[in-house]
């Protein structure tokens, strides 16, 4: 794949839709649908079936959409989001202790990446793996026990590391080759971190949150490590480290480069977990009530800015909107001027119900851009590594329904 070309294609595709993906729909209220073609909203608002809506969320749309322009949008997003799958290698050996205290999701991820890590370790004659943000070291310990790889786990949390070290003391397959734990802040500018990156080592970061991924990538590249494997996640945390966007010279050279809002970064981090019928209906009720209360606060209480409400108990969404709204007023210390019955009437007004359901339909369109925003972030990192002289692959390692942040960067010299 020509990553520079793909990055530029995604940039050009996203550019005319910036007001859609940069803004939560309620931010544009009282004209929340102004940037959404009305025929697209009409097309999507007709879908009431749970499975149809889940398919739309996952962009399985060819059997659903009749509008040719909307279908073309979804298809182009899918085309620009495609990456090769990681190669299938012989599975990692297992024994009765391999998955002790490891949850199924983490087991699945380790099984998927461990054979490739082991293959590169020997091919590149790596002397030590530096596990970035390793926590208690579940990945590090598994690679150490099952393949005998030499690994150092870095993390800033000493409690997690102490827990991991005690765990490994009990189940280490080879007591003479145990995982080393070092309490250090992973910072690409930190001499303390960089001195741990010996020339014959590699770095491995599984789900490196926010700017931790860039710290791994930049620090490793500046030290000339022969191999870097990174999986990013929690892109919304990049909001607190703005220099972590557009790190490549290619991105920096664009006169109209994107600086993603907190809402765009959150959209890029969206997960697509499996939902049963109960989960689906709760999600729909949450959207209905959230949009309705923000409209209420704007129209009736003069709250022009979007009000942060936080998370509520799922049981609250079993109640009427009036009960829900009164509870939210308590949380934000706002004196209500409507009774429960008046609030229910506000919510159930036919014009307002149609608006809210059209906003939910618009949300399906906005959600479709999430994967492309993630691709923009990751391809920026890929281009940076290519500019540093690395041969880079962006690969799909996991089933998205089992591990939503399923794309990994493999860079080698």
Protein backbone atom coordinates (compact mmCIF):
# COMPACT_ATOMS: atom_id res chain seq x y z
CA UNK A 1 0.00 0.00 0.00
CA UNK A 2 1.15 3.51 -0.78
CA UNK A 3 0.53 5.02 2.64
CA UNK A 4 1.30 8.59 1.67
CA UNK A 5 -1.19 8.40 -1.18
CA UNK A 6 -3.85 6.86 1.09
CA UNK A 7 -3.27 9.54 3.73
CA UNK A 8 -3.79 12.29 1.17
CA UNK A 9 -6.87 10.57 -0.25
CA UNK A 10 -8.43 10.37 3.20
CA UNK A 11 -7.56 14.00 3.88
CA UNK A 12 -9.25 15.13 0.67
CA UNK A 13 -12.29 12.93 1.30
CA UNK A 14 -12.78 14.17 4.86
CA UNK A 15 -12.27 17.85 4.07
CA UNK A 16 -15.78 18.75 2.78
CA UNK A 17 -17.45 16.94 5.71
CA UNK A 18 -15.56 18.65 8.52
CA UNK A 19 -18.61 20.27 10.12
CA UNK A 20 -20.17 16.81 10.38
CA UNK A 21 -17.29 14.92 11.98
CA UNK A 22 -15.80 17.80 13.99
CA UNK A 23 -19.07 18.53 15.82
CA UNK A 24 -21.42 16.54 17.98
CA UNK A 25 -24.89 16.98 16.47
CA UNK A 26 -26.21 18.90 19.50
CA UNK A 27 -23.42 21.45 19.12
CA UNK A 28 -25.16 22.71 15.98
CA UNK A 29 -28.57 23.08 17.65
CA UNK A 30 -30.94 24.84 16.89
CA UNK A 31 -29.88 23.85 13.34
CA UNK A 32 -28.39 20.41 14.05
CA UNK A 33 -29.15 18.97 10.60
CA UNK A 34 -28.03 21.89 8.46
CA UNK A 35 -24.95 20.02 7.15
CA UNK A 36 -26.77 16.74 6.47
CA UNK A 37 -28.55 16.30 3.11
CA UNK A 38 -32.27 15.96 3.83
CA UNK A 39 -32.67 12.97 1.51
CA UNK A 40 -29.92 11.15 3.46
CA UNK A 41 -31.76 11.80 6.72
CA UNK A 42 -35.02 10.65 5.19
CA UNK A 43 -33.33 7.47 3.94
CA UNK A 44 -31.82 6.55 7.31
CA UNK A 45 -34.75 7.58 9.50
CA UNK A 46 -36.92 4.89 7.89
CA UNK A 47 -34.87 2.12 9.51
CA UNK A 48 -36.49 0.95 12.75
CA UNK A 49 -35.34 -2.67 12.88
CA UNK A 50 -32.57 -3.37 15.39
CA UNK A 51 -30.44 -5.45 13.04
CA UNK A 52 -30.73 -2.90 10.25
CA UNK A 53 -29.47 -0.18 12.57
CA UNK A 54 -26.60 -2.36 13.80
CA UNK A 55 -25.66 -3.09 10.18
CA UNK A 56 -25.70 0.63 9.46
CA UNK A 57 -23.46 1.26 12.47
CA UNK A 58 -21.05 -1.33 11.08
CA UNK A 59 -21.43 0.05 7.53
CA UNK A 60 -22.90 -3.17 6.13
CA UNK A 61 -25.13 -1.14 3.85
CA UNK A 62 -25.21 -2.50 0.31
CA UNK A 63 -28.44 -4.44 0.97
CA UNK A 64 -30.07 -1.53 2.83
CA UNK A 65 -29.46 1.80 1.15
CA UNK A 66 -31.35 2.96 -1.92
CA UNK A 67 -30.00 6.50 -2.15
CA UNK A 68 -27.06 6.28 -4.60
CA UNK A 69 -25.13 9.25 -3.15
CA UNK A 70 -25.41 7.98 0.41
CA UNK A 71 -24.47 4.47 -0.64
CA UNK A 72 -21.45 5.86 -2.51
CA UNK A 73 -20.37 7.71 0.66
CA UNK A 74 -20.46 4.55 2.75
CA UNK A 75 -18.70 2.51 0.07
CA UNK A 76 -15.91 5.07 -0.32
CA UNK A 77 -15.39 5.13 3.44
CA UNK A 78 -15.08 1.35 3.42
CA UNK A 79 -12.66 1.46 0.51
CA UNK A 80 -10.41 4.04 2.17
CA UNK A 81 -10.51 2.11 5.47
CA UNK A 82 -9.31 -1.20 4.04
CA UNK A 83 -5.95 -2.54 5.23
CA UNK A 84 -4.37 -5.99 4.81
CA UNK A 85 -4.84 -8.60 7.49
CA UNK A 86 -1.84 -9.70 9.54
CA UNK A 87 -0.27 -12.97 8.38
CA UNK A 88 -1.36 -16.18 10.06
CA UNK A 89 1.58 -17.96 11.69
CA UNK A 90 1.74 -21.20 13.70
CA UNK A 91 -0.06 -20.63 17.01
CA UNK A 92 1.72 -19.88 20.23
CA UNK A 93 2.29 -22.96 22.43
CA UNK A 94 0.07 -23.14 25.51
CA UNK A 95 0.02 -24.98 28.81
CA UNK A 96 -2.32 -25.13 31.78
CA UNK A 97 -0.91 -21.88 33.22
CA UNK A 98 -0.81 -19.79 30.05
CA UNK A 99 -4.11 -17.99 30.56
CA UNK A 100 -4.16 -17.87 34.35
CA UNK A 101 -6.11 -14.74 35.42
CA UNK A 102 -6.19 -13.37 31.83
CA UNK A 103 -9.60 -12.28 30.56
CA UNK A 104 -10.87 -13.69 27.21
CA UNK A 105 -10.36 -10.41 25.27
CA UNK A 106 -6.72 -10.18 26.33
CA UNK A 107 -6.22 -13.89 25.59
CA UNK A 108 -7.57 -13.34 22.09
CA UNK A 109 -5.27 -10.37 21.45
CA UNK A 110 -2.17 -12.13 22.76
CA UNK A 111 -2.90 -15.20 20.65
CA UNK A 112 -3.18 -13.00 17.58
CA UNK A 113 0.05 -11.02 17.96
CA UNK A 114 2.38 -13.37 19.86
CA UNK A 115 3.46 -15.56 16.90
CA UNK A 116 4.36 -12.48 14.84
CA UNK A 117 6.31 -10.91 17.72
CA UNK A 118 8.23 -14.15 18.19
CA UNK A 119 8.99 -14.43 14.46
CA UNK A 120 10.33 -10.87 14.27
CA UNK A 121 12.29 -11.34 17.51
CA UNK A 122 14.33 -14.13 15.94
CA UNK A 123 14.45 -12.73 12.41
CA UNK A 124 15.85 -9.39 13.62
CA UNK A 125 18.05 -11.03 16.27
CA UNK A 126 16.41 -8.94 18.97
CA UNK A 127 18.04 -9.16 22.39
CA UNK A 128 15.21 -7.64 24.43
CA UNK A 129 11.61 -6.50 23.98
CA UNK A 130 10.60 -3.27 25.70
CA UNK A 131 6.89 -3.57 26.54
CA UNK A 132 5.45 -0.04 26.56
CA UNK A 133 2.85 0.72 29.23
CA UNK A 134 2.86 -2.95 30.18
CA UNK A 135 0.78 -2.67 33.38
CA UNK A 136 1.04 -5.91 35.33
CA UNK A 137 2.74 -7.49 32.34
CA UNK A 138 0.22 -10.02 31.05
CA UNK A 139 1.53 -9.77 27.49
CA UNK A 140 5.17 -9.68 28.61
CA UNK A 141 4.81 -12.67 30.91
CA UNK A 142 3.01 -14.74 28.29
CA UNK A 143 5.66 -14.07 25.63
CA UNK A 144 8.37 -14.80 28.19
CA UNK A 145 6.84 -18.05 29.43
CA UNK A 146 5.72 -19.48 26.09
CA UNK A 147 8.61 -18.40 23.87
CA UNK A 148 11.42 -17.62 26.33
CA UNK A 149 11.77 -14.06 25.01
CA UNK A 150 13.69 -11.52 27.10
CA UNK A 151 11.34 -8.69 28.05
CA UNK A 152 11.35 -5.52 30.09
CA UNK A 153 7.95 -4.09 31.04
CA UNK A 154 7.75 -0.32 31.46
CA UNK A 155 4.94 1.43 33.31
CA UNK A 156 4.42 4.52 35.43
CA UNK A 157 2.22 2.74 37.99
CA UNK A 158 4.32 0.98 40.66
CA UNK A 159 1.29 -0.83 42.11
CA UNK A 160 0.56 -2.54 38.81
CA UNK A 161 4.21 -3.45 38.41
CA UNK A 162 4.53 -4.87 41.92
CA UNK A 163 1.39 -6.94 41.33
CA UNK A 164 2.83 -8.21 38.05
CA UNK A 165 6.22 -9.05 39.54
CA UNK A 166 4.61 -11.07 42.34
CA UNK A 167 2.41 -12.88 39.84
CA UNK A 168 5.37 -13.71 37.62
CA UNK A 169 7.45 -14.92 40.56
CA UNK A 170 4.85 -17.66 41.03
CA UNK A 171 4.29 -18.70 37.42
CA UNK A 172 7.61 -17.94 35.69
CA UNK A 173 8.54 -20.89 33.50
CA UNK A 174 12.27 -20.09 33.71
CA UNK A 175 13.26 -18.37 36.98
CA UNK A 176 16.57 -17.33 35.41
CA UNK A 177 14.77 -15.43 32.62
CA UNK A 178 11.98 -13.48 34.20
CA UNK A 179 10.32 -10.30 32.99
CA UNK A 180 12.09 -7.19 34.25
CA UNK A 181 9.92 -4.37 35.56
CA UNK A 182 11.05 -0.76 35.42
CA UNK A 183 8.96 2.09 36.82
CA UNK A 184 9.44 4.93 34.34
CA UNK A 185 7.42 7.49 32.40
CA UNK A 186 7.42 6.62 28.72
CA UNK A 187 8.22 9.96 27.12
CA UNK A 188 9.84 10.28 23.70
CA UNK A 189 11.79 13.33 24.94
CA UNK A 190 12.99 11.73 28.18
CA UNK A 191 16.66 10.64 28.45
CA UNK A 192 15.64 8.24 31.23
CA UNK A 193 13.29 6.45 28.83
CA UNK A 194 15.63 6.56 25.83
CA UNK A 195 18.58 5.07 27.70
CA UNK A 196 16.49 1.87 28.06
CA UNK A 197 16.23 1.57 24.28
CA UNK A 198 19.41 -0.35 23.43
CA UNK A 199 20.24 -0.65 19.71
CA UNK A 200 19.41 -4.37 19.59
CA UNK A 201 16.05 -4.03 21.34
CA UNK A 202 12.52 -3.55 19.99
CA UNK A 203 9.49 -1.82 21.46
CA UNK A 204 6.02 -3.33 21.68
CA UNK A 205 2.95 -1.35 22.67
CA UNK A 206 -0.44 -3.06 22.85
CA UNK A 207 -3.21 -0.45 23.22
CA UNK A 208 -0.98 2.51 23.99
CA UNK A 209 -3.44 5.17 25.05
CA UNK A 210 -3.40 8.67 23.62
CA UNK A 211 0.05 10.15 23.16
CA UNK A 212 1.78 7.10 24.67
CA UNK A 213 1.79 5.63 21.16
CA UNK A 214 3.66 8.63 19.76
CA UNK A 215 6.12 8.57 22.64
CA UNK A 216 6.89 4.95 21.82
CA UNK A 217 7.14 5.62 18.09
CA UNK A 218 9.24 8.80 18.28
CA UNK A 219 11.56 7.58 21.03
CA UNK A 220 12.15 4.26 19.26
CA UNK A 221 12.77 5.88 15.88
CA UNK A 222 15.16 8.48 17.30
CA UNK A 223 17.16 5.65 18.90
CA UNK A 224 17.19 3.72 15.62
CA UNK A 225 15.59 0.55 16.98
CA UNK A 226 15.32 -2.20 14.36
CA UNK A 227 11.67 -2.99 15.12
CA UNK A 228 8.63 -1.13 16.45
CA UNK A 229 5.17 -2.70 16.91
CA UNK A 230 2.43 -0.41 18.10
CA UNK A 231 -1.32 -0.55 18.64
CA UNK A 232 -2.89 2.82 19.43
CA UNK A 233 -6.12 3.43 21.33
CA UNK A 234 -8.03 6.08 23.31
CA UNK A 235 -7.38 8.75 20.67
CA UNK A 236 -9.65 11.13 22.59
CA UNK A 237 -6.80 11.55 25.07
CA UNK A 238 -4.79 13.28 22.33
CA UNK A 239 -6.88 16.35 23.14
CA UNK A 240 -4.47 16.96 26.03
CA UNK A 241 -1.35 16.69 23.84
CA UNK A 242 -2.06 18.65 20.68
CA UNK A 243 1.47 18.18 19.32
CA UNK A 244 0.60 14.48 18.95
CA UNK A 245 -1.47 15.16 15.83
CA UNK A 246 0.13 15.68 12.42
CA UNK A 247 3.54 14.40 13.49
CA UNK A 248 4.69 13.52 9.96
CA UNK A 249 6.36 16.04 7.65
CA UNK A 250 3.70 15.16 5.08
CA UNK A 251 0.87 16.18 7.41
CA UNK A 252 2.74 19.29 8.51
CA UNK A 253 3.18 20.33 4.88
CA UNK A 254 -0.56 20.49 4.23
CA UNK A 255 -1.85 24.06 4.25
CA UNK A 256 -5.23 22.80 5.45
CA UNK A 257 -4.15 20.02 7.83
CA UNK A 258 -6.74 18.87 10.33
CA UNK A 259 -6.64 19.62 14.03
CA UNK A 260 -9.31 17.34 15.40
CA UNK A 261 -11.74 18.61 18.00
CA UNK A 262 -12.37 16.62 21.17
CA UNK A 263 -15.56 15.37 19.51
CA UNK A 264 -13.70 14.18 16.41
CA UNK A 265 -11.08 12.43 18.54
CA UNK A 266 -13.83 10.73 20.55
CA UNK A 267 -15.47 9.65 17.30
CA UNK A 268 -12.19 8.12 16.12
CA UNK A 269 -12.12 6.03 19.32
CA UNK A 270 -15.61 4.58 18.99
CA UNK A 271 -15.95 0.88 19.76
CA UNK A 272 -18.26 -1.55 17.99
CA UNK A 273 -18.99 -4.16 20.57
CA UNK A 274 -21.56 -6.88 20.09
CA UNK A 275 -25.04 -5.86 21.28
CA UNK A 276 -28.00 -7.93 22.29
CA UNK A 277 -31.57 -6.62 22.04
CA UNK A 278 -31.52 -5.22 25.57
CA UNK A 279 -28.28 -3.30 24.93
CA UNK A 280 -29.61 -1.93 21.66
CA UNK A 281 -32.86 -0.61 23.12
CA UNK A 282 -31.00 0.98 26.05
CA UNK A 283 -28.65 2.72 23.61
CA UNK A 284 -31.60 4.09 21.64
CA UNK A 285 -33.35 5.30 24.81
CA UNK A 286 -30.16 7.03 25.96
CA UNK A 287 -29.95 8.91 22.66
CA UNK A 288 -33.60 9.93 22.79
CA UNK A 289 -33.34 11.26 26.33
CA UNK A 290 -29.94 12.92 25.87
CA UNK A 291 -31.01 14.85 22.79
CA UNK A 292 -34.33 15.77 24.38
CA UNK A 293 -32.81 17.16 27.57
CA UNK A 294 -30.26 19.25 25.68
CA UNK A 295 -33.05 20.67 23.53
CA UNK A 296 -35.03 21.36 26.72
CA UNK A 297 -32.08 23.09 28.39
CA UNK A 298 -31.48 25.20 25.29
CA UNK A 299 -35.08 26.16 24.54
CA UNK A 300 -36.59 26.47 28.01
CA UNK A 301 -33.67 27.15 30.37
CA UNK A 302 -31.38 29.36 28.30
CA UNK A 303 -28.48 26.91 28.36
CA UNK A 304 -26.74 27.84 25.10
CA UNK A 305 -23.66 25.73 25.79
CA UNK A 306 -23.77 21.95 25.73
CA UNK A 307 -24.17 20.82 29.36
CA UNK A 308 -22.10 17.87 30.59
CA UNK A 309 -24.43 15.39 32.29
CA UNK A 310 -22.12 12.45 32.95
CA UNK A 311 -23.25 8.85 33.03
CA UNK A 312 -26.56 7.74 34.51
CA UNK A 313 -27.76 4.41 35.82
CA UNK A 314 -29.41 2.30 33.08
CA UNK A 315 -32.41 2.01 35.40
CA UNK A 316 -33.07 5.74 35.04
CA UNK A 317 -33.82 5.21 31.34
CA UNK A 318 -36.64 2.84 32.30
CA UNK A 319 -38.44 5.82 33.80
CA UNK A 320 -40.39 8.47 31.91
CA UNK A 321 -38.51 11.42 30.42
CA UNK A 322 -39.97 13.67 33.11
CA UNK A 323 -38.47 11.56 35.89
CA UNK A 324 -35.16 11.39 34.02
CA UNK A 325 -35.04 15.16 33.46
CA UNK A 326 -35.82 16.01 37.09
CA UNK A 327 -33.01 13.74 38.22
CA UNK A 328 -30.60 15.43 35.81
CA UNK A 329 -31.65 18.86 37.10
CA UNK A 330 -30.56 17.75 40.57
CA UNK A 331 -27.18 16.66 39.24
CA UNK A 332 -26.49 20.00 37.56
CA UNK A 333 -28.05 22.05 40.40
CA UNK A 334 -30.75 23.56 38.20
CA UNK A 335 -34.12 24.50 39.66
CA UNK A 336 -36.91 22.99 37.49
CA UNK A 337 -39.76 25.19 36.33
CA UNK A 338 -41.74 22.34 34.83
CA UNK A 339 -43.64 19.49 36.45
CA UNK A 340 -42.93 15.88 35.55
CA UNK A 341 -46.10 15.83 33.43
CA UNK A 342 -45.08 18.97 31.54
CA UNK A 343 -41.65 17.51 30.88
CA UNK A 344 -43.24 14.32 29.53
CA UNK A 345 -45.44 16.41 27.24
CA UNK A 346 -42.36 18.34 26.03
CA UNK A 347 -40.63 15.06 25.15
CA UNK A 348 -43.65 13.46 23.46
CA UNK A 349 -44.54 16.38 21.20
CA UNK A 350 -44.72 14.95 17.63
CA UNK A 351 -42.56 17.67 16.06
CA UNK A 352 -39.90 17.22 18.73
CA UNK A 353 -40.00 13.43 18.41
CA UNK A 354 -39.43 13.71 14.66
CA UNK A 355 -36.51 16.11 15.16
CA UNK A 356 -34.85 13.82 17.69
CA UNK A 357 -35.27 10.76 15.47
CA UNK A 358 -33.85 12.68 12.52
CA UNK A 359 -30.89 13.65 14.71
CA UNK A 360 -30.36 9.98 15.56
CA UNK A 361 -30.41 9.19 11.83
CA UNK A 362 -27.84 11.94 11.26
CA UNK A 363 -25.73 10.34 13.97
CA UNK A 364 -25.49 7.19 11.87
CA UNK A 365 -23.94 9.25 9.08
CA UNK A 366 -21.53 10.96 11.47
CA UNK A 367 -20.54 7.65 13.06
CA UNK A 368 -19.52 6.29 9.66
CA UNK A 369 -16.57 8.71 9.64
CA UNK A 370 -15.05 7.29 12.84
CA UNK A 371 -12.88 4.66 11.21
CA UNK A 372 -11.50 7.14 8.67
CA UNK A 373 -10.53 9.52 11.46
CA UNK A 374 -8.67 6.67 13.14
CA UNK A 375 -7.01 5.88 9.81
CA UNK A 376 -5.92 9.53 9.46
CA UNK A 377 -4.25 9.40 12.89
CA UNK A 378 -2.55 6.07 12.25
CA UNK A 379 -1.42 6.87 8.71
CA UNK A 380 0.14 10.08 10.01
CA UNK A 381 2.22 7.89 12.34
CA UNK A 382 3.03 5.49 9.51
CA UNK A 383 4.20 8.36 7.29
CA UNK A 384 6.37 9.69 10.13
CA UNK A 385 8.07 6.30 10.45
CA UNK A 386 8.62 6.06 6.70
CA UNK A 387 10.24 9.48 6.82
CA UNK A 388 12.61 8.10 9.47
CA UNK A 389 13.70 5.34 7.08
CA UNK A 390 11.48 2.49 8.27
CA UNK A 391 9.67 -0.06 6.15
CA UNK A 392 6.16 0.08 7.61
CA UNK A 393 3.01 -2.02 7.51
CA UNK A 394 -0.43 -1.09 8.84
CA UNK A 395 -2.25 -4.37 9.45
CA UNK A 396 -5.56 -5.61 10.82
CA UNK A 397 -4.82 -8.03 13.65
CA UNK A 398 -8.13 -8.53 15.46
CA UNK A 399 -11.80 -9.02 14.72
CA UNK A 400 -13.29 -5.55 15.34
CA UNK A 401 -16.25 -6.98 17.26
CA UNK A 402 -13.87 -8.66 19.73
CA UNK A 403 -11.19 -5.95 19.92
CA UNK A 404 -12.33 -2.68 18.30
CA UNK A 405 -8.90 -1.02 18.16
CA UNK A 406 -7.67 -3.75 15.86
CA UNK A 407 -5.05 -2.03 13.69
CA UNK A 408 -1.34 -2.42 14.39
CA UNK A 409 1.74 -0.65 13.00
CA UNK A 410 4.80 -2.80 12.30
CA UNK A 411 7.94 -0.80 11.42
CA UNK A 412 11.33 -2.35 10.68
CA UNK A 413 14.73 -1.28 9.48
